[in-house]
Structures are given as structure tokens and as C-alpha cells.
């Protein structure tokens, strides 16, 4: 009986962590939008540790800027920074609704989708291919000096 209670409490904690993470993912770009009065997102230094070290974007680079432009209503610019940006908003909203519903009803929904290896591998392959394409355009559009300038090794 104790093991069951421990499992239920662990699952509930994970659900709360999921809700909190989704809320933080949605709120931080909104605050960046509100505080972007004198700064331009295109010229600000990236806070990505990988890009700061190498000058090259990581697979997730651009999602925050994509969310900010989505909040502004500029859908084209949102997709241009990261194709998955607008989908992150939908995923976070869906996560909040589903996990809150699961906490209230004490039932689990979408378990087949959340723990589906084929879906996870498919998304990983899509992200890898998308990132390789983005890297190709990035190297084509930037000189080696500008890539180095985007890192901390300026």
C-alpha cells in the first residue's frame, strides 16, 4: 500500500513540474515582449550556452524569439526563427490542460501518446533534419568572422 501511495505522489509531483515548466515556457517570452521597448531581439546576444561557446545555434535556438514574435502577432517571423515555436505554445497549453485535468479527475489521459517511442523518434529525426538544414543556411549566410563574433571568443 505504501508503494502505491509513493507512486501516486511521485506522479502528482511530475504533473505539477510539467504544469510549472509549461507556464514558465509561456510566460518568459511574454515578459521579454513587454520589456523589449529599447532592445531589439535580432541584435541581442543569445543566452544559449552552446551558441555562446561555438557561435553556432543549437537545435532549440530561436524558439524564445519565435514565441515573442508569435505573441506580437508576426506569424511569419515566428516561423522564420524556429518552425516549432508556435507549436510549442500549443503543446504547452495542451500540457497545462491535460495535466490539470489529470490532477483533478485522478485519471490519466494520452498515456499512449506521451510514452510512444515511435512518436519520440519521429520528432527527434525531424528536429535533427531541421537543424542540419538550419546549420547549412546559417553557415551560408554568415562568414566565419561573424560566427566567431556571435560566440564569447570574439
N, C-alpha and C. Protein backbone atom coordinates (compact mmCIF):
# COMPACT_ATOMS: atom_id res chain seq x y z
N UNK A 1 0.82 -1.19 0.00
CA UNK A 1 0.00 0.00 0.00
C UNK A 1 0.87 1.26 0.00
N UNK A 2 1.98 1.24 0.72
CA UNK A 2 2.87 2.38 0.78
C UNK A 2 3.51 2.64 -0.57
N UNK A 3 3.86 1.58 -1.28
CA UNK A 3 4.47 1.73 -2.59
C UNK A 3 3.51 2.41 -3.56
N UNK A 4 2.23 2.07 -3.48
CA UNK A 4 1.23 2.68 -4.35
C UNK A 4 1.10 4.17 -4.04
N UNK A 5 1.06 4.53 -2.78
CA UNK A 5 0.96 5.95 -2.41
C UNK A 5 2.20 6.71 -2.87
N UNK A 6 3.37 6.09 -2.76
CA UNK A 6 4.60 6.73 -3.22
C UNK A 6 4.56 6.96 -4.72
N UNK A 7 4.07 5.97 -5.47
CA UNK A 7 3.97 6.09 -6.92
C UNK A 7 2.99 7.19 -7.30
N UNK A 8 1.85 7.25 -6.63
CA UNK A 8 0.86 8.29 -6.93
C UNK A 8 1.42 9.67 -6.60
N UNK A 9 2.09 9.82 -5.45
CA UNK A 9 2.67 11.11 -5.08
C UNK A 9 3.76 11.53 -6.05
N UNK A 10 4.57 10.57 -6.51
CA UNK A 10 5.61 10.88 -7.49
C UNK A 10 5.00 11.33 -8.81
N UNK A 11 3.95 10.66 -9.25
CA UNK A 11 3.27 11.07 -10.49
C UNK A 11 2.65 12.45 -10.36
N UNK A 12 2.05 12.72 -9.19
CA UNK A 12 1.45 14.04 -8.99
C UNK A 12 2.52 15.13 -8.98
N UNK A 13 3.68 14.86 -8.38
CA UNK A 13 4.77 15.84 -8.40
C UNK A 13 5.23 16.09 -9.83
N UNK A 14 5.35 15.03 -10.61
CA UNK A 14 5.76 15.20 -12.00
C UNK A 14 4.75 16.02 -12.79
N UNK A 15 3.48 15.83 -12.48
CA UNK A 15 2.45 16.62 -13.17
C UNK A 15 2.57 18.09 -12.79
N UNK A 16 2.79 18.37 -11.52
CA UNK A 16 2.98 19.76 -11.10
C UNK A 16 4.23 20.36 -11.73
N UNK A 17 5.30 19.57 -11.84
CA UNK A 17 6.50 20.05 -12.51
C UNK A 17 6.21 20.33 -13.98
N UNK A 18 5.42 19.48 -14.62
CA UNK A 18 5.06 19.69 -16.02
C UNK A 18 4.25 20.96 -16.21
N UNK A 19 3.29 21.19 -15.33
CA UNK A 19 2.47 22.41 -15.40
C UNK A 19 3.35 23.63 -15.19
N UNK A 20 4.22 23.57 -14.19
CA UNK A 20 5.12 24.70 -13.89
C UNK A 20 6.05 24.98 -15.07
N UNK A 21 6.64 23.94 -15.64
CA UNK A 21 7.53 24.12 -16.78
C UNK A 21 6.81 24.72 -17.97
N UNK A 22 5.59 24.26 -18.24
CA UNK A 22 4.82 24.81 -19.36
C UNK A 22 4.47 26.28 -19.12
N UNK A 23 4.11 26.61 -17.89
CA UNK A 23 3.80 28.01 -17.58
C UNK A 23 5.03 28.90 -17.74
N UNK A 24 6.17 28.44 -17.26
CA UNK A 24 7.41 29.22 -17.39
C UNK A 24 7.76 29.40 -18.86
N UNK A 25 7.59 28.35 -19.65
CA UNK A 25 7.88 28.43 -21.09
C UNK A 25 7.00 29.46 -21.78
N UNK A 26 5.77 29.60 -21.34
CA UNK A 26 4.85 30.57 -21.94
C UNK A 26 5.05 31.99 -21.41
N UNK A 27 5.44 32.12 -20.14
CA UNK A 27 5.49 33.44 -19.50
C UNK A 27 6.79 34.19 -19.81
N UNK A 28 7.93 33.53 -19.83
CA UNK A 28 9.21 34.23 -20.04
C UNK A 28 9.23 34.98 -21.37
N UNK A 29 8.83 34.38 -22.50
CA UNK A 29 8.80 35.18 -23.74
C UNK A 29 7.83 36.35 -23.68
N UNK A 30 6.75 36.20 -22.92
CA UNK A 30 5.79 37.30 -22.78
C UNK A 30 6.45 38.48 -22.06
N UNK A 31 7.22 38.21 -21.00
CA UNK A 31 7.92 39.29 -20.31
C UNK A 31 9.01 39.90 -21.18
N UNK A 32 9.66 39.09 -22.00
CA UNK A 32 10.62 39.64 -22.96
C UNK A 32 9.94 40.57 -23.94
N UNK A 33 8.73 40.23 -24.35
CA UNK A 33 7.95 41.08 -25.24
C UNK A 33 7.63 42.41 -24.57
N UNK A 34 7.22 42.35 -23.31
CA UNK A 34 6.86 43.57 -22.59
C UNK A 34 8.07 44.47 -22.33
N UNK A 35 9.24 43.87 -22.10
CA UNK A 35 10.44 44.64 -21.79
C UNK A 35 11.32 44.89 -23.00
N UNK A 36 10.81 44.69 -24.20
CA UNK A 36 11.60 44.82 -25.41
C UNK A 36 11.53 46.24 -25.99
N UNK A 37 11.17 47.22 -25.17
CA UNK A 37 11.00 48.57 -25.68
C UNK A 37 12.22 49.16 -26.36
N UNK A 38 13.37 49.14 -25.71
CA UNK A 38 14.57 49.76 -26.27
C UNK A 38 15.51 48.75 -26.91
N UNK A 39 15.27 47.49 -26.74
CA UNK A 39 16.16 46.46 -27.27
C UNK A 39 15.52 45.80 -28.48
N UNK A 40 16.34 45.30 -29.35
CA UNK A 40 15.87 44.56 -30.50
C UNK A 40 16.31 43.12 -30.36
N UNK A 41 15.39 42.20 -30.53
CA UNK A 41 15.72 40.79 -30.37
C UNK A 41 16.73 40.31 -31.39
N UNK A 42 16.74 40.92 -32.56
CA UNK A 42 17.66 40.47 -33.59
C UNK A 42 19.11 40.78 -33.25
N UNK A 43 19.35 41.84 -32.48
CA UNK A 43 20.72 42.26 -32.21
C UNK A 43 21.21 41.84 -30.83
N UNK A 44 20.35 41.40 -29.95
CA UNK A 44 20.77 40.98 -28.61
C UNK A 44 21.58 39.70 -28.67
N UNK A 45 22.53 39.58 -27.75
CA UNK A 45 23.34 38.36 -27.64
C UNK A 45 22.45 37.22 -27.18
N UNK A 46 22.63 36.08 -27.78
CA UNK A 46 21.88 34.89 -27.40
C UNK A 46 22.34 34.41 -26.03
N UNK A 47 21.42 33.87 -25.24
CA UNK A 47 21.77 33.33 -23.94
C UNK A 47 21.98 31.82 -23.98
N UNK A 48 21.99 31.26 -25.17
CA UNK A 48 22.21 29.82 -25.33
C UNK A 48 23.67 29.50 -25.04
N UNK A 49 23.93 28.61 -24.08
CA UNK A 49 25.33 28.28 -23.76
C UNK A 49 26.09 27.68 -24.95
N UNK A 50 25.41 26.86 -25.75
CA UNK A 50 26.07 26.26 -26.91
C UNK A 50 26.48 27.33 -27.92
N UNK A 51 25.56 28.27 -28.20
CA UNK A 51 25.88 29.32 -29.17
C UNK A 51 26.94 30.27 -28.62
N UNK A 52 26.92 30.50 -27.32
CA UNK A 52 27.94 31.37 -26.72
C UNK A 52 29.33 30.75 -26.84
N UNK A 53 29.41 29.43 -26.74
CA UNK A 53 30.70 28.76 -26.82
C UNK A 53 31.18 28.56 -28.24
N UNK A 54 30.26 28.20 -29.15
CA UNK A 54 30.68 27.82 -30.50
C UNK A 54 30.37 28.87 -31.56
N UNK A 55 29.37 29.71 -31.32
CA UNK A 55 28.93 30.64 -32.34
C UNK A 55 27.87 30.04 -33.25
N UNK A 56 27.64 28.73 -33.14
CA UNK A 56 26.63 28.04 -33.94
C UNK A 56 25.37 27.83 -33.11
N UNK A 57 24.20 27.91 -33.73
CA UNK A 57 22.96 27.69 -32.98
C UNK A 57 22.76 26.22 -32.62
N UNK A 58 22.12 26.00 -31.49
CA UNK A 58 21.76 24.64 -31.09
C UNK A 58 20.38 24.32 -31.70
N UNK A 59 19.91 23.09 -31.60
CA UNK A 59 18.59 22.76 -32.20
C UNK A 59 17.43 23.57 -31.63
N UNK A 60 17.57 24.08 -30.41
CA UNK A 60 16.48 24.85 -29.80
C UNK A 60 16.63 26.35 -29.95
N UNK A 61 17.74 26.80 -30.52
CA UNK A 61 17.96 28.24 -30.67
C UNK A 61 16.86 28.86 -31.53
N UNK A 62 16.34 29.96 -31.06
CA UNK A 62 15.33 30.69 -31.80
C UNK A 62 13.92 30.44 -31.32
N UNK A 63 13.71 29.46 -30.45
CA UNK A 63 12.34 29.18 -30.01
C UNK A 63 11.80 30.34 -29.16
N UNK A 64 12.62 30.90 -28.27
CA UNK A 64 12.14 32.02 -27.44
C UNK A 64 11.79 33.22 -28.32
N UNK A 65 12.66 33.55 -29.27
CA UNK A 65 12.35 34.66 -30.18
C UNK A 65 11.11 34.35 -31.00
N UNK A 66 10.95 33.10 -31.39
CA UNK A 66 9.78 32.68 -32.14
C UNK A 66 8.51 32.91 -31.32
N UNK A 67 8.57 32.59 -30.04
CA UNK A 67 7.39 32.80 -29.18
C UNK A 67 7.10 34.28 -28.99
N UNK A 68 8.14 35.09 -28.84
CA UNK A 68 7.94 36.53 -28.68
C UNK A 68 7.25 37.10 -29.92
N UNK A 69 7.73 36.74 -31.11
CA UNK A 69 7.10 37.25 -32.33
C UNK A 69 5.70 36.68 -32.53
N UNK A 70 5.47 35.48 -32.07
CA UNK A 70 4.11 34.92 -32.13
C UNK A 70 3.17 35.75 -31.25
N UNK A 71 3.64 36.11 -30.06
CA UNK A 71 2.83 36.96 -29.17
C UNK A 71 2.57 38.33 -29.78
N UNK A 72 3.54 38.82 -30.56
CA UNK A 72 3.35 40.10 -31.23
C UNK A 72 2.36 39.99 -32.40
N UNK A 73 2.12 38.78 -32.87
CA UNK A 73 1.22 38.57 -33.99
C UNK A 73 1.94 38.43 -35.31
N UNK A 74 3.25 38.42 -35.31
CA UNK A 74 4.03 38.28 -36.53
C UNK A 74 4.33 36.79 -36.76
N UNK A 75 3.38 36.10 -37.35
CA UNK A 75 3.47 34.65 -37.52
C UNK A 75 4.62 34.27 -38.46
N UNK A 76 4.81 35.03 -39.53
CA UNK A 76 5.88 34.73 -40.48
C UNK A 76 7.24 34.79 -39.79
N UNK A 77 7.49 35.86 -39.02
CA UNK A 77 8.77 35.99 -38.32
C UNK A 77 8.90 34.91 -37.25
N UNK A 78 7.79 34.54 -36.63
CA UNK A 78 7.82 33.48 -35.63
C UNK A 78 8.29 32.17 -36.25
N UNK A 79 7.73 31.80 -37.39
CA UNK A 79 8.17 30.58 -38.07
C UNK A 79 9.59 30.69 -38.60
N UNK A 80 10.01 31.92 -38.98
CA UNK A 80 11.35 32.06 -39.52
C UNK A 80 12.43 31.87 -38.46
N UNK A 81 12.14 32.19 -37.21
CA UNK A 81 13.13 31.96 -36.15
C UNK A 81 13.20 30.51 -35.75
N UNK A 82 12.07 29.83 -35.66
CA UNK A 82 12.07 28.39 -35.40
C UNK A 82 10.71 27.85 -35.79
N UNK A 83 10.72 26.84 -36.63
CA UNK A 83 9.48 26.31 -37.17
C UNK A 83 8.60 25.69 -36.08
N UNK A 84 9.21 25.26 -34.99
CA UNK A 84 8.43 24.63 -33.92
C UNK A 84 7.94 25.62 -32.86
N UNK A 85 8.33 26.89 -32.95
CA UNK A 85 7.94 27.88 -31.96
C UNK A 85 6.45 27.95 -31.70
N UNK A 86 5.63 28.21 -32.73
CA UNK A 86 4.19 28.27 -32.50
C UNK A 86 3.60 26.95 -31.99
N UNK A 87 4.20 25.84 -32.37
CA UNK A 87 3.71 24.55 -31.89
C UNK A 87 4.03 24.36 -30.41
N UNK A 88 5.09 24.99 -29.94
CA UNK A 88 5.44 24.93 -28.52
C UNK A 88 4.32 25.57 -27.69
N UNK A 89 3.77 26.67 -28.17
CA UNK A 89 2.68 27.32 -27.46
C UNK A 89 1.49 26.38 -27.35
N UNK A 90 1.11 25.76 -28.46
CA UNK A 90 0.00 24.81 -28.42
C UNK A 90 0.28 23.62 -27.52
N UNK A 91 1.51 23.11 -27.58
CA UNK A 91 1.89 21.98 -26.74
C UNK A 91 1.84 22.34 -25.26
N UNK A 92 2.34 23.53 -24.91
CA UNK A 92 2.33 23.96 -23.51
C UNK A 92 0.90 24.15 -23.01
N UNK A 93 0.06 24.77 -23.81
CA UNK A 93 -1.34 24.95 -23.40
C UNK A 93 -2.03 23.60 -23.23
N UNK A 94 -1.82 22.68 -24.16
CA UNK A 94 -2.39 21.34 -24.06
C UNK A 94 -1.86 20.61 -22.83
N UNK A 95 -0.57 20.76 -22.54
CA UNK A 95 0.03 20.13 -21.37
C UNK A 95 -0.62 20.64 -20.09
N UNK A 96 -0.81 21.94 -20.00
CA UNK A 96 -1.42 22.52 -18.80
C UNK A 96 -2.84 22.00 -18.62
N UNK A 97 -3.61 21.97 -19.70
CA UNK A 97 -5.00 21.50 -19.62
C UNK A 97 -5.05 20.02 -19.24
N UNK A 98 -4.27 19.20 -19.92
CA UNK A 98 -4.31 17.75 -19.67
C UNK A 98 -3.83 17.42 -18.26
N UNK A 99 -2.69 17.98 -17.85
CA UNK A 99 -2.16 17.63 -16.53
C UNK A 99 -3.05 18.17 -15.41
N UNK A 100 -3.63 19.33 -15.59
CA UNK A 100 -4.57 19.85 -14.60
C UNK A 100 -5.80 18.95 -14.51
N UNK A 101 -6.31 18.53 -15.66
CA UNK A 101 -7.45 17.61 -15.69
C UNK A 101 -7.10 16.29 -15.01
N UNK A 102 -5.91 15.79 -15.25
CA UNK A 102 -5.49 14.54 -14.62
C UNK A 102 -5.39 14.69 -13.10
N UNK A 103 -4.90 15.83 -12.63
CA UNK A 103 -4.82 16.05 -11.19
C UNK A 103 -6.21 16.13 -10.55
N UNK A 104 -7.14 16.75 -11.27
CA UNK A 104 -8.49 16.91 -10.73
C UNK A 104 -9.26 15.59 -10.76
N UNK A 105 -9.22 14.90 -11.89
CA UNK A 105 -10.02 13.68 -12.05
C UNK A 105 -9.32 12.42 -11.53
N UNK A 106 -8.01 12.53 -11.26
CA UNK A 106 -7.21 11.38 -10.81
C UNK A 106 -7.22 10.23 -11.83
N UNK A 107 -7.34 10.59 -13.10
CA UNK A 107 -7.23 9.64 -14.21
C UNK A 107 -6.12 10.13 -15.12
N UNK A 108 -5.57 9.21 -15.91
CA UNK A 108 -4.51 9.60 -16.84
C UNK A 108 -5.03 9.52 -18.27
N UNK A 109 -4.71 10.55 -19.05
CA UNK A 109 -5.12 10.65 -20.44
C UNK A 109 -3.87 10.73 -21.32
N UNK A 110 -4.00 10.35 -22.56
CA UNK A 110 -2.94 10.48 -23.57
C UNK A 110 -1.66 9.74 -23.20
N UNK A 111 -1.76 8.73 -22.34
CA UNK A 111 -0.57 7.98 -21.95
C UNK A 111 0.08 7.31 -23.15
N UNK A 112 -0.74 6.81 -24.07
CA UNK A 112 -0.18 6.16 -25.26
C UNK A 112 0.64 7.14 -26.09
N UNK A 113 0.23 8.39 -26.16
CA UNK A 113 0.95 9.38 -26.95
C UNK A 113 2.18 9.89 -26.22
N UNK A 114 2.07 10.09 -24.91
CA UNK A 114 3.19 10.67 -24.17
C UNK A 114 4.37 9.71 -24.05
N UNK A 115 4.10 8.42 -24.06
CA UNK A 115 5.16 7.43 -23.90
C UNK A 115 5.33 6.58 -25.16
N UNK A 116 5.07 7.17 -26.31
CA UNK A 116 5.16 6.48 -27.58
C UNK A 116 6.57 6.66 -28.15
N UNK A 117 7.33 5.56 -28.24
CA UNK A 117 8.70 5.64 -28.74
C UNK A 117 8.75 6.05 -30.21
N UNK A 118 7.82 5.55 -31.01
CA UNK A 118 7.82 5.90 -32.43
C UNK A 118 7.62 7.41 -32.62
N UNK A 119 6.72 7.98 -31.86
CA UNK A 119 6.49 9.42 -31.95
C UNK A 119 7.74 10.19 -31.50
N UNK A 120 8.37 9.74 -30.41
CA UNK A 120 9.57 10.40 -29.92
C UNK A 120 10.71 10.33 -30.94
N UNK A 121 10.92 9.15 -31.52
CA UNK A 121 11.96 9.01 -32.54
C UNK A 121 11.64 9.84 -33.78
N UNK A 122 10.39 9.87 -34.18
CA UNK A 122 9.99 10.67 -35.33
C UNK A 122 10.25 12.15 -35.10
N UNK A 123 9.90 12.64 -33.91
CA UNK A 123 10.15 14.05 -33.61
C UNK A 123 11.65 14.33 -33.53
N UNK A 124 12.42 13.40 -32.98
CA UNK A 124 13.87 13.58 -32.89
C UNK A 124 14.50 13.63 -34.28
N UNK A 125 14.06 12.76 -35.17
CA UNK A 125 14.59 12.75 -36.54
C UNK A 125 14.21 14.04 -37.26
N UNK A 126 12.95 14.49 -37.09
CA UNK A 126 12.52 15.74 -37.70
C UNK A 126 13.38 16.90 -37.20
N UNK A 127 13.60 16.98 -35.87
CA UNK A 127 14.39 18.07 -35.31
C UNK A 127 15.83 18.01 -35.80
N UNK A 128 16.39 16.81 -35.92
CA UNK A 128 17.77 16.67 -36.41
C UNK A 128 17.89 17.13 -37.86
N UNK A 129 16.97 16.71 -38.71
CA UNK A 129 17.00 17.12 -40.12
C UNK A 129 16.79 18.63 -40.24
N UNK A 130 15.83 19.15 -39.48
CA UNK A 130 15.57 20.59 -39.50
C UNK A 130 16.80 21.36 -39.04
N UNK A 131 17.49 20.86 -38.02
CA UNK A 131 18.67 21.55 -37.51
C UNK A 131 19.81 21.51 -38.52
N UNK A 132 19.99 20.41 -39.19
CA UNK A 132 21.05 20.32 -40.21
C UNK A 132 20.78 21.31 -41.35
N UNK A 133 19.52 21.41 -41.74
CA UNK A 133 19.16 22.38 -42.79
C UNK A 133 19.42 23.80 -42.30
N UNK A 134 19.03 24.09 -41.06
CA UNK A 134 19.26 25.43 -40.49
C UNK A 134 20.75 25.74 -40.41
N UNK A 135 21.55 24.74 -40.01
CA UNK A 135 23.00 24.96 -39.96
C UNK A 135 23.57 25.27 -41.33
N UNK A 136 23.07 24.59 -42.36
CA UNK A 136 23.52 24.87 -43.72
C UNK A 136 23.24 26.31 -44.11
N UNK A 137 22.03 26.78 -43.85
CA UNK A 137 21.69 28.17 -44.15
C UNK A 137 22.50 29.14 -43.29
N UNK A 138 22.72 28.77 -42.02
CA UNK A 138 23.48 29.63 -41.12
C UNK A 138 24.92 29.82 -41.60
N UNK A 139 25.56 28.74 -42.00
CA UNK A 139 26.94 28.82 -42.49
C UNK A 139 26.98 29.57 -43.82
N UNK A 140 25.97 29.36 -44.66
CA UNK A 140 25.91 30.06 -45.95
C UNK A 140 25.73 31.57 -45.76
N UNK A 141 24.92 31.96 -44.78
CA UNK A 141 24.58 33.37 -44.59
C UNK A 141 25.59 34.14 -43.73
N UNK A 142 26.48 33.45 -43.03
CA UNK A 142 27.41 34.11 -42.12
C UNK A 142 28.85 33.75 -42.48
N UNK A 143 29.72 34.75 -42.35
CA UNK A 143 31.14 34.47 -42.54
C UNK A 143 31.69 33.87 -41.25
N UNK A 144 32.88 33.29 -41.34
CA UNK A 144 33.47 32.68 -40.14
C UNK A 144 33.75 33.74 -39.09
N UNK A 145 34.07 34.96 -39.51
CA UNK A 145 34.30 36.04 -38.55
C UNK A 145 33.02 36.39 -37.80
N UNK A 146 31.89 36.45 -38.51
CA UNK A 146 30.63 36.79 -37.83
C UNK A 146 30.18 35.64 -36.91
N UNK A 147 30.48 34.40 -37.29
CA UNK A 147 30.15 33.27 -36.43
C UNK A 147 30.98 33.35 -35.15
N UNK A 148 32.25 33.65 -35.29
CA UNK A 148 33.12 33.81 -34.13
C UNK A 148 32.67 34.99 -33.27
N UNK A 149 32.20 36.03 -33.91
CA UNK A 149 31.72 37.22 -33.20
C UNK A 149 30.47 36.91 -32.37
N UNK A 150 29.68 35.91 -32.78
CA UNK A 150 28.47 35.55 -32.05
C UNK A 150 28.78 34.69 -30.83
N UNK A 151 30.03 34.29 -30.68
CA UNK A 151 30.41 33.50 -29.51
C UNK A 151 31.10 34.40 -28.48
N UNK A 152 31.49 33.80 -27.38
CA UNK A 152 32.19 34.57 -26.34
C UNK A 152 33.66 34.76 -26.70
N UNK A 153 34.14 34.14 -27.76
CA UNK A 153 35.55 34.21 -28.13
C UNK A 153 35.85 35.38 -29.05
N UNK A 154 34.95 36.33 -29.13
CA UNK A 154 35.11 37.50 -30.00
C UNK A 154 36.50 37.97 -29.94
